[in-house]
Protein backbone atom coordinates (compact mmCIF):
# COMPACT_ATOMS: atom_id res chain seq x y z
CA MET A 1 0.04 -0.08 0.03
CA ALA A 2 1.56 3.41 -0.85
CA ALA A 3 2.25 6.00 1.64
CA LEU A 4 -0.96 7.66 3.60
CA ASP A 5 -2.59 10.50 2.45
CA VAL A 6 -3.44 12.52 6.15
CA LYS A 7 -5.67 15.76 6.46
CA ALA A 8 -4.40 16.63 9.91
CA VAL A 9 -5.66 19.37 12.57
CA THR A 10 -1.42 20.00 14.02
CA ASN A 11 -2.68 21.27 17.27
CA LEU A 12 -6.30 20.07 18.60
CA LEU A 13 -8.31 22.54 20.32
CA GLY A 14 -5.11 24.53 20.95
CA THR A 15 -3.64 21.45 22.50
CA GLY A 16 -0.16 19.81 21.79
CA LEU A 17 -2.15 16.73 20.16
CA PRO A 18 -1.91 16.53 16.47
CA TYR A 19 -5.24 15.00 15.23
CA ALA A 20 -5.74 13.00 11.80
CA CYS A 21 -9.22 13.85 11.00
CA ALA A 22 -8.87 12.05 7.65
CA VAL A 23 -6.50 9.47 6.41
CA ARG A 24 -6.75 8.07 3.08
CA ALA A 25 -4.64 4.52 2.28
CA GLY A 26 -4.75 3.65 -1.37
CA PRO A 27 -9.04 3.64 -2.35
CA TRP A 28 -9.64 3.54 1.19
CA ILE A 29 -10.72 6.77 3.24
CA PHE A 30 -10.99 7.04 7.18
CA LEU A 31 -12.81 9.74 8.85
CA THR A 32 -12.66 8.68 12.57
CA GLY A 33 -13.69 10.18 15.49
CA HIS A 34 -15.95 13.38 14.28
CA GLU A 35 -18.04 15.34 16.54
CA ALA A 36 -19.65 18.62 15.83
CA PHE A 37 -17.22 21.02 17.24
CA ASP A 38 -14.64 23.16 15.57
CA PHE A 39 -11.00 21.85 15.64
CA ALA A 40 -9.67 25.24 16.61
CA THR A 41 -12.08 27.21 18.59
CA GLY A 42 -14.73 24.46 20.14
CA ILE A 43 -18.53 24.42 19.65
CA PRO A 44 -19.54 27.02 16.62
CA GLU A 45 -22.48 28.89 17.33
CA GLU A 46 -24.10 27.33 14.09
CA VAL A 47 -24.04 24.20 16.40
CA ALA A 48 -24.79 26.02 19.68
CA GLY A 49 -27.58 28.29 18.39
CA PRO A 50 -27.53 31.96 18.99
CA PRO A 51 -26.29 33.21 22.41
CA GLY A 52 -29.43 34.75 23.30
CA PHE A 53 -31.91 32.20 22.46
CA PRO A 54 -30.05 28.54 21.77
CA MET A 55 -33.32 26.86 20.74
CA PHE A 56 -33.99 29.41 17.79
CA GLY A 57 -33.50 26.97 14.64
CA ARG A 58 -33.18 23.27 14.14
CA PRO A 59 -33.01 21.23 17.53
CA ARG A 60 -29.51 21.13 18.68
CA TRP A 61 -29.11 17.18 17.95
CA ARG A 62 -30.21 18.07 14.40
CA ARG A 63 -27.80 20.57 13.95
CA GLU A 64 -24.89 18.56 15.24
CA GLY A 65 -25.91 15.75 12.83
CA ASP A 66 -25.53 18.47 9.97
CA PHE A 67 -22.06 20.00 11.03
CA ILE A 68 -20.78 16.60 11.63
CA LEU A 69 -21.88 15.22 8.03
CA GLN A 70 -21.33 18.57 5.81
CA ARG A 71 -17.60 18.24 7.27
CA MET A 72 -17.23 14.80 6.12
CA GLN A 73 -18.78 15.62 2.91
CA ARG A 74 -16.16 18.08 2.33
CA LEU A 75 -13.18 15.95 3.45
CA LEU A 76 -14.60 13.08 1.48
CA ASN A 77 -14.80 15.63 -1.90
CA GLU A 78 -10.89 16.54 -0.93
CA PHE A 79 -10.10 12.84 -1.93
CA GLY A 80 -12.18 12.35 -4.86
CA SER A 81 -14.97 10.69 -2.95
CA ASP A 82 -18.36 11.28 -1.48
CA LEU A 83 -20.95 9.89 0.89
CA SER A 84 -22.97 7.88 -1.84
CA HIS A 85 -19.37 5.78 -1.51
CA ALA A 86 -19.41 5.31 2.03
CA ILE A 87 -19.19 1.76 3.18
CA ARG A 88 -19.75 1.62 6.97
CA LEU A 89 -20.87 4.22 9.77
CA ASP A 90 -20.44 3.95 13.47
CA GLN A 91 -22.20 6.54 15.60
CA TYR A 92 -21.93 6.63 19.71
CA TYR A 93 -24.51 8.91 21.76
CA PRO A 94 -24.92 9.68 25.16
CA THR A 95 -28.46 9.89 25.17
CA PRO A 96 -31.27 8.15 22.83
CA ALA A 97 -32.67 11.72 22.37
CA ALA A 98 -29.83 12.46 19.79
CA VAL A 99 -30.53 9.61 17.78
CA ASP A 100 -33.65 10.50 15.66
CA PRO A 101 -32.48 13.98 14.98
CA TYR A 102 -29.25 12.77 13.64
CA HIS A 103 -31.04 10.32 11.57
CA LEU A 104 -32.71 12.88 9.97
CA ALA A 105 -29.37 15.14 9.25
CA ARG A 106 -27.88 11.76 8.06
CA ARG A 107 -31.58 11.09 5.46
CA ALA A 108 -31.00 14.70 4.24
CA ALA A 109 -26.93 14.25 3.72
CA PHE A 110 -26.55 10.47 2.42
CA GLY A 111 -30.33 10.39 0.48
CA ASP A 112 -31.51 6.76 -0.68
CA TYR A 113 -28.13 5.08 0.13
CA ILE A 114 -27.00 4.60 3.82
CA PRO A 115 -24.16 2.20 4.63
CA PRO A 116 -23.95 -0.20 7.13
CA SER A 117 -24.66 1.34 10.41
CA THR A 118 -23.87 0.41 14.18
CA SER A 119 -25.18 2.72 16.58
CA VAL A 120 -24.95 2.59 20.45
CA ILE A 121 -25.84 4.77 23.51
CA MET A 122 -22.53 5.22 25.57
CA GLU A 123 -21.83 7.60 28.84
CA ARG A 124 -20.56 10.35 26.65
CA CYS A 125 -18.77 11.61 23.66
CA PHE A 126 -15.09 12.93 23.65
CA GLY A 127 -16.52 16.54 23.80
CA ALA A 128 -18.54 16.95 27.29
CA GLU A 129 -21.45 19.05 25.20
CA THR A 130 -21.60 16.93 22.19
CA GLY A 131 -24.12 14.36 21.55
CA ILE A 132 -23.09 12.36 18.32
CA SER A 133 -19.64 10.59 17.49
CA THR A 134 -19.41 9.76 14.04
CA SER A 135 -16.79 7.65 12.20
CA LEU A 136 -16.77 6.68 8.61
CA ILE A 137 -15.20 4.36 6.02
CA ALA A 138 -15.60 5.18 2.42
CA ALA A 139 -13.81 3.93 -1.00
CA LEU A 140 -12.87 5.78 -4.01
CA PRO A 141 -15.23 5.91 -6.79
CA THR A 142 -13.56 3.30 -8.83
CA SER A 143 -14.71 0.29 -11.16
CA ASP A 144 -12.94 -1.75 -8.49
CA HIS A 145 -14.61 -0.48 -5.66
CA GLU A 146 -18.37 -0.44 -6.69
CA ILE A 147 -20.44 -1.27 -3.87
CA ARG A 148 -23.25 -4.05 -4.34
CA LYS A 149 -26.02 -3.25 -1.76
CA ILE A 150 -27.30 -6.87 0.16
CA TYR A 151 -30.91 -7.16 1.29
CA PRO A 152 -30.75 -10.45 2.78
CA LYS A 153 -34.46 -11.81 4.37
CA ASP A 154 -34.89 -11.29 7.54
CA VAL A 155 -31.79 -9.16 8.17
CA THR A 156 -33.27 -5.42 7.69
CA ALA A 157 -32.88 -2.18 9.22
CA SER A 158 -35.90 -0.35 10.90
CA ALA A 159 -37.65 2.30 8.81
CA SER A 160 -35.97 5.25 11.17
CA SER A 161 -32.58 3.97 10.45
CA GLY A 162 -33.08 2.92 6.71
CA PHE A 163 -29.29 1.50 6.39
CA VAL A 164 -28.41 -1.16 3.96
CA PRO A 165 -27.79 -4.16 6.30
CA ALA A 166 -25.07 -5.37 4.07
CA ILE A 167 -22.81 -4.18 1.24
CA VAL A 168 -19.95 -5.36 -0.81
CA CYS A 169 -17.05 -4.00 -1.82
CA ASN A 170 -14.28 -4.85 -3.72
CA GLU A 171 -13.80 -8.40 -1.98
CA PHE A 172 -14.76 -7.14 1.20
CA VAL A 173 -18.10 -7.55 2.86
CA PHE A 174 -19.47 -4.76 5.60
CA VAL A 175 -22.68 -6.10 7.61
CA ALA A 176 -24.36 -3.39 9.75
CA GLY A 177 -24.80 -4.23 13.56
CA GLN A 178 -27.41 -6.82 14.16
CA MET A 179 -29.36 -7.44 17.09
CA ALA A 180 -31.77 -10.32 17.99
CA SER A 181 -34.40 -8.67 16.55
CA GLY A 182 -37.84 -10.82 14.87
CA PRO A 183 -39.67 -9.38 11.80
CA GLU A 184 -41.26 -6.68 13.51
CA HIS A 185 -37.99 -5.50 14.99
CA GLY A 186 -38.65 -6.16 18.62
CA LEU A 187 -36.75 -8.60 20.56
CA ASP A 188 -37.26 -12.39 18.35
CA PRO A 189 -39.07 -15.04 20.98
CA ARG A 190 -36.64 -17.47 19.74
CA ALA A 191 -33.81 -15.22 21.52
CA HIS A 192 -35.36 -14.69 24.76
CA VAL A 193 -35.86 -16.57 27.75
CA PRO A 194 -39.48 -17.09 28.36
CA ASP A 195 -40.95 -14.70 31.32
CA ASP A 196 -42.46 -18.08 33.30
CA SER A 197 -39.48 -20.04 32.77
CA ALA A 198 -37.27 -20.06 35.89
CA TRP A 199 -34.30 -21.78 34.29
CA GLY A 200 -34.55 -22.07 30.34
CA GLY A 201 -31.09 -20.76 29.04
CA THR A 202 -29.74 -16.91 29.67
CA GLU A 203 -30.48 -13.86 27.75
CA ILE A 204 -27.00 -13.45 26.64
CA ARG A 205 -26.62 -16.87 24.94
CA LYS A 206 -30.06 -17.02 23.41
CA GLN A 207 -29.42 -13.32 21.63
CA THR A 208 -25.79 -14.59 20.89
CA GLU A 209 -26.50 -17.48 19.13
CA PHE A 210 -29.45 -15.63 17.58
CA ILE A 211 -27.55 -13.13 16.25
CA ILE A 212 -24.76 -15.64 14.43
CA LEU A 213 -27.21 -18.02 13.13
CA GLU A 214 -30.20 -15.93 11.81
CA LYS A 215 -28.41 -12.54 11.28
CA LEU A 216 -24.60 -12.76 10.34
CA LYS A 217 -24.73 -16.21 8.66
CA PRO A 218 -27.42 -15.43 6.55
CA ALA A 219 -26.33 -11.76 5.48
CA LEU A 220 -22.97 -13.25 4.61
CA GLU A 221 -24.35 -15.92 2.64
CA ALA A 222 -26.53 -13.66 0.49
CA ALA A 223 -23.11 -11.55 0.17
CA GLY A 224 -21.46 -14.54 -1.39
CA SER A 225 -19.32 -15.31 2.05
CA SER A 226 -19.53 -17.40 4.79
CA LEU A 227 -18.60 -17.33 8.58
CA GLU A 228 -15.58 -19.41 7.77
CA ARG A 229 -14.73 -15.84 5.63
CA SER A 230 -15.26 -13.36 8.87
CA LEU A 231 -12.41 -10.89 9.56
CA LYS A 232 -13.01 -8.86 12.33
CA ALA A 233 -16.24 -8.15 14.42
CA GLN A 234 -17.20 -5.39 16.82
CA VAL A 235 -19.62 -6.57 19.89
CA TYR A 236 -21.23 -4.55 22.36
CA LEU A 237 -22.69 -5.94 25.49
CA GLN A 238 -24.84 -4.03 28.01
CA ARG A 239 -23.50 -6.04 31.16
CA VAL A 240 -20.17 -6.59 31.65
CA GLU A 241 -20.66 -9.60 33.58
CA ASP A 242 -21.97 -11.61 30.63
CA PHE A 243 -18.64 -11.41 28.84
CA PRO A 244 -18.07 -15.29 29.66
CA ASP A 245 -21.41 -16.43 28.36
CA PHE A 246 -21.13 -14.39 25.17
CA LEU A 247 -17.32 -15.63 24.34
CA ASP A 248 -17.99 -19.56 25.70
CA VAL A 249 -21.09 -18.94 22.49
CA TRP A 250 -18.98 -16.93 19.91
CA ASN A 251 -16.29 -19.65 20.21
CA GLN A 252 -18.37 -22.56 19.72
CA TYR A 253 -18.98 -21.06 16.25
CA TYR A 254 -15.66 -19.41 15.41
CA ARG A 255 -13.14 -21.54 17.73
CA ASP A 256 -11.85 -23.08 14.50
CA ILE A 257 -12.86 -19.60 12.50
CA PRO A 258 -9.97 -17.14 12.55
CA CYS A 259 -11.92 -13.67 13.62
CA ALA A 260 -10.58 -10.50 15.46
CA VAL A 261 -13.33 -9.33 17.83
CA SER A 262 -13.29 -6.54 20.17
CA VAL A 263 -15.82 -6.77 23.25
CA VAL A 264 -16.66 -3.89 24.47
CA PRO A 265 -19.26 -2.30 27.19
CA THR A 266 -22.07 -0.35 26.23
CA LYS A 267 -24.79 1.60 28.16
CA SER A 268 -27.99 0.91 25.66
CA PHE A 269 -28.88 -0.02 22.38
CA ALA A 270 -32.06 0.80 20.14
CA MET A 271 -34.03 -2.10 20.82
CA ARG A 272 -35.70 -2.76 24.28
CA GLY A 273 -34.92 -6.04 25.86
CA GLY A 274 -31.48 -6.13 23.65
CA ILE A 275 -28.37 -6.56 25.48
CA ILE A 276 -25.90 -7.31 22.65
CA GLU A 277 -24.92 -5.59 19.01
CA ILE A 278 -22.16 -7.34 16.53
CA ASN A 279 -21.08 -5.77 13.03
CA LEU A 280 -19.17 -7.73 11.14
CA MET A 281 -16.27 -7.53 8.12
CA ALA A 282 -15.64 -10.26 5.70
CA LEU A 283 -13.94 -11.45 2.86
CA VAL A 284 -16.15 -12.84 -0.56
CA ASN A 285 -16.17 -16.44 -1.22
CA GLY A 286 -13.01 -16.62 -3.64
CA ALA A 287 -11.29 -13.38 -3.02
CA ARG A 288 -7.54 -13.20 -4.18
CA ARG A 289 -6.84 -11.87 -0.53
CA GLU A 290 -5.49 -14.24 1.90
CA LYS A 291 -6.88 -14.66 5.32
CA ARG A 292 -3.58 -15.33 7.86
CA VAL A 293 -3.56 -14.84 11.67
CA ILE A 294 -0.66 -12.94 13.07
CA ALA A 295 0.96 -14.09 16.22
CA ALA A 296 3.22 -11.96 18.72
CA ASP A 297 4.71 -12.44 21.96
CA ILE A 298 1.70 -10.71 23.77
CA PRO A 299 -0.12 -11.44 26.65
CA GLY A 300 -2.74 -14.30 25.97
CA MET A 301 -5.24 -12.39 28.22
CA ALA A 302 -4.84 -8.84 26.30
CA ALA A 303 -7.35 -9.90 23.77
CA TYR A 304 -10.44 -12.00 23.23
CA GLY A 305 -9.75 -13.24 19.61
CA PRO A 306 -6.63 -13.27 17.18
CA CYS A 307 -5.17 -10.64 15.12
CA ILE A 308 -6.15 -10.85 11.29
CA LYS A 309 -4.11 -9.85 8.29
CA ALA A 310 -6.15 -9.63 4.88
CA GLY A 311 -4.71 -7.88 2.35
CA GLU A 312 -3.80 -4.34 2.93
CA PHE A 313 -5.20 -4.66 6.25
CA LEU A 314 -3.88 -5.72 9.80
CA LEU A 315 -7.20 -6.15 11.92
CA PRO A 316 -6.19 -6.74 15.89
CA SER A 317 -8.65 -7.83 18.34
CA GLY A 318 -10.00 -5.07 21.16
CA LEU A 319 -6.47 -4.99 23.11
CA MET A 320 -6.88 -4.27 27.15
CA ALA A 321 -3.41 -3.57 29.08
CA VAL A 322 -3.16 -6.88 30.65
CA GLY A 323 0.56 -7.71 31.47
CA HIS A 324 2.34 -11.23 31.53
CA ASP A 325 1.45 -11.94 35.18
CA GLY A 326 -2.43 -11.61 34.29
CA HIS A 327 -2.94 -7.99 36.30
CA ILE A 328 -3.56 -4.68 34.41
CA VAL A 329 -0.24 -2.74 33.54
CA GLY A 330 0.35 -0.25 36.37
CA LYS A 331 -2.35 -1.31 38.52
CA SER A 332 -1.37 -0.77 41.69
CA ILE A 333 0.01 2.89 41.27
CA SER A 334 -2.39 4.26 39.17
CA PRO A 335 -5.38 5.11 41.85
CA GLY A 336 -2.93 7.31 43.46
CA PHE A 337 -1.61 9.46 40.62
CA ALA A 338 -4.87 10.15 38.76
CA GLY A 339 -3.60 13.74 38.27
CA LEU A 340 -0.92 12.05 35.67
CA SER A 341 -3.62 10.10 33.86
CA HIS A 342 -1.29 7.31 34.93
CA ALA A 343 -3.91 4.57 33.97
CA GLY A 344 -4.78 6.16 30.43
CA TYR A 345 -0.58 6.60 30.09
CA SER A 346 0.43 3.26 30.92
CA GLN A 347 -2.48 0.90 29.79
CA ALA A 348 -2.41 3.13 26.36
CA ALA A 349 1.65 2.57 26.46
CA ALA A 350 0.80 -1.37 26.97
CA VAL A 351 -1.31 -1.87 23.86
CA HIS A 352 0.60 0.40 21.54
CA ASP A 353 3.12 -2.02 22.53
CA TYR A 354 1.20 -4.88 21.85
CA ALA A 355 -0.14 -3.46 18.77
CA GLU A 356 3.52 -2.88 17.16
CA ALA A 357 4.55 -6.35 18.35
CA LEU A 358 1.56 -7.62 15.54
CA CYS A 359 2.77 -4.87 13.35
CA ARG A 360 6.03 -5.87 13.17
CA ALA A 361 5.16 -9.79 13.02
CA ALA A 362 2.97 -8.78 9.61
CA GLY A 363 5.75 -6.72 8.57
CA THR A 364 4.20 -3.17 9.19
CA THR A 365 4.47 -0.45 11.90
CA MET A 366 1.90 1.61 14.05
CA ALA A 367 3.05 4.53 11.79
CA LYS A 368 0.59 2.84 9.14
CA LEU A 369 -2.33 3.56 11.72
CA LEU A 370 -5.50 3.97 9.78
CA ARG A 371 -8.25 4.30 12.83
CA ALA A 372 -7.78 4.17 16.46
CA GLN A 373 -10.96 3.58 18.57
CA TYR A 374 -10.55 4.23 22.51
CA PHE A 375 -13.54 3.05 24.74
CA VAL A 376 -12.49 4.49 28.16
CA SER A 377 -14.19 4.03 31.37
CA ASP A 378 -13.36 7.98 32.59
CA ILE A 379 -12.94 10.18 29.61
CA ALA A 380 -10.46 11.74 31.79
CA ALA A 381 -7.83 8.90 30.90
CA PHE A 382 -7.53 10.22 27.13
CA SER A 383 -4.93 12.91 28.57
CA GLY A 384 -2.82 9.97 29.25
CA ILE A 385 -3.58 8.05 25.98
CA ALA A 386 -2.31 11.26 24.05
CA MET A 387 0.90 11.27 25.95
CA ALA A 388 1.49 7.72 25.37
CA TRP A 389 0.92 8.03 21.15
CA ILE A 390 3.10 11.57 21.58
CA SER A 391 5.58 9.60 23.03
CA ARG A 392 5.95 6.80 20.78
CA VAL A 393 5.59 8.62 17.36
CA GLY A 394 6.11 12.06 18.46
CA THR A 395 4.20 14.58 15.96
CA GLN A 396 2.42 11.96 13.60
CA PRO A 397 -1.16 12.69 13.81
CA LEU A 398 -3.47 10.29 15.58
CA PRO A 399 -6.55 9.20 13.67
CA PHE A 400 -8.82 8.51 17.00
CA VAL A 401 -12.15 8.14 18.40
CA CYS A 402 -12.75 8.06 22.34
CA VAL A 403 -16.13 7.56 23.84
CA GLN A 404 -16.72 6.61 27.44
CA THR A 405 -18.51 3.57 28.22
CA PRO A 406 -20.03 2.42 31.31
CA PRO A 407 -17.47 2.13 34.30
CA ALA A 408 -17.20 -1.31 34.99
CA MET A 409 -14.42 -3.08 32.30
CA PRO A 410 -14.23 -7.05 32.09
CA ALA A 411 -10.68 -6.85 34.10
CA PRO A 412 -10.29 -5.33 37.35
CA GLY A 413 -8.45 -1.97 36.68
CA ALA A 414 -8.72 -1.79 33.47
CA ILE A 415 -10.02 1.61 31.95
CA LEU A 416 -9.44 1.26 28.03
CA ILE A 417 -10.12 -1.20 25.51
CA ALA A 418 -8.35 -0.03 21.99
CA ASP A 419 -9.33 -0.93 18.75
CA PHE A 420 -7.12 -0.28 16.03
CA TRP A 421 -6.80 -0.78 11.84
CA ILE A 422 -3.49 -0.67 10.33
CA ALA A 423 -1.99 -0.55 6.97
CA THR A 424 0.01 -3.32 5.59
CA GLU A 425 2.83 -3.25 2.79
CA ASP A 426 0.60 -5.54 0.74
C-alpha cells in the first residue's frame, strides 16, 4: 500500500495533540471520531445556536448531525469521493434523544443510500457538550470499488434507520450492527428466555446464538461469503458480567474460524430487551486476498481473539493492557496518580506496544495506523492516552475516536479497550 495521505490538525483545540481527521490508504478513506466542534475553537454558533436564543432554529442534535456530515462530505470531496461511496458508519451517543434528529440529518445528507451502520448509547462522547460521535469508512469511486447492496431475507434495518444491512465493496463484505430482532423489529421470541421460565437458558446466550445464526450467517451468505470468511467483529454488550457467556457461545462457532473480535461495554441499544449488538467484516468467497493469523509475544489475556491480516489491512482484536502476570499494567500505581492520568498513559503504552509487536510480525508498523477507537471507562484517561501516543511517534497525527463506556470493565483496574485498523505493505 502506498504512503498514507493524511489531513490533520496540528494542535487540536489549542493543545499539543495532532489529530488526523481523515486518512486515505490507497482506495480507502477513514474519517474517525468526528463530533460537532470546530477543531480550533470548539462548539461553533451554528451548532450551539444564537447566544441569546439557543433554541432558535433546528433542534440541537439535528444541528450537530448536519455539521458533522457536511464536514465529512467536504473531506471526502477533497480526496475525490463522497458520501455515496461510504461503506461503513459507526455512531455513539450519550442519550437516545440525539438519535432521531441525527437520523434526519443523515437521511438528508446520504439520500437513498445509507451504508451499514452501528449505533449504540455510551456514557459520553469526547466533547462534554456533544451528543453524537460519527466515524466513517469510504472508498474512492473506481470501477474496482463499486458498492453492491445486499438485502438478505430477515436481516433488515428499522424504517427510521434506513441503512443497507450489508454491502460488498471490492472483496470485502460489511454487515451492519445486528441485534436479536424479529420480523417486527422487537426482540425475537427465539432469542428470549420465556418470562415464566425459572431456567430456560440465559438472555445473552440466546441472543448471541440468534445473531450469529439468524443474522450474520444469512447476511454473509447473501453477499457471497460465509462465517468461515469472517475477518473482524465488533461486539457491544450491555452487561459486563455477560462477557464470559458471550465468549463461550461465540467460540462455539468461531473456535476454528480465525476472526478478530473487540468486545466493548455499552450503556444501551435501540431495541428494548436487546443486550448485545454485533457488526462484522468478511471476505467474499473466492477472494484473492488471503486471511492470515498474526501471532506475537503478547499476553494471552490481552485480547479475546486473534489478530487477522487480510490483504492491505491488519485487524487486531480489541486490546486491553493485561500484563504477562495476568494483571492490568500499572494497576497498583494508577489509583494514586490520577493527576498524571497514570492509568491512561500506562495502559495505552501497553496496548500500543502489543499492537506494534503484531505489526512487526505482519511486516508493518503503527506509523501506518488508519483508525484508533479508544473505549474508556473515564474520559479523563484520554490525556494519558495522548501522551502515550506522542511518546511513541512524536508529532504523527492520531486518527482517533474516544468515547466513555459504562464504568465496569471486564478486567479489574482496566480503563481502556483499544481497537485498531492498520495498513500493511500489501
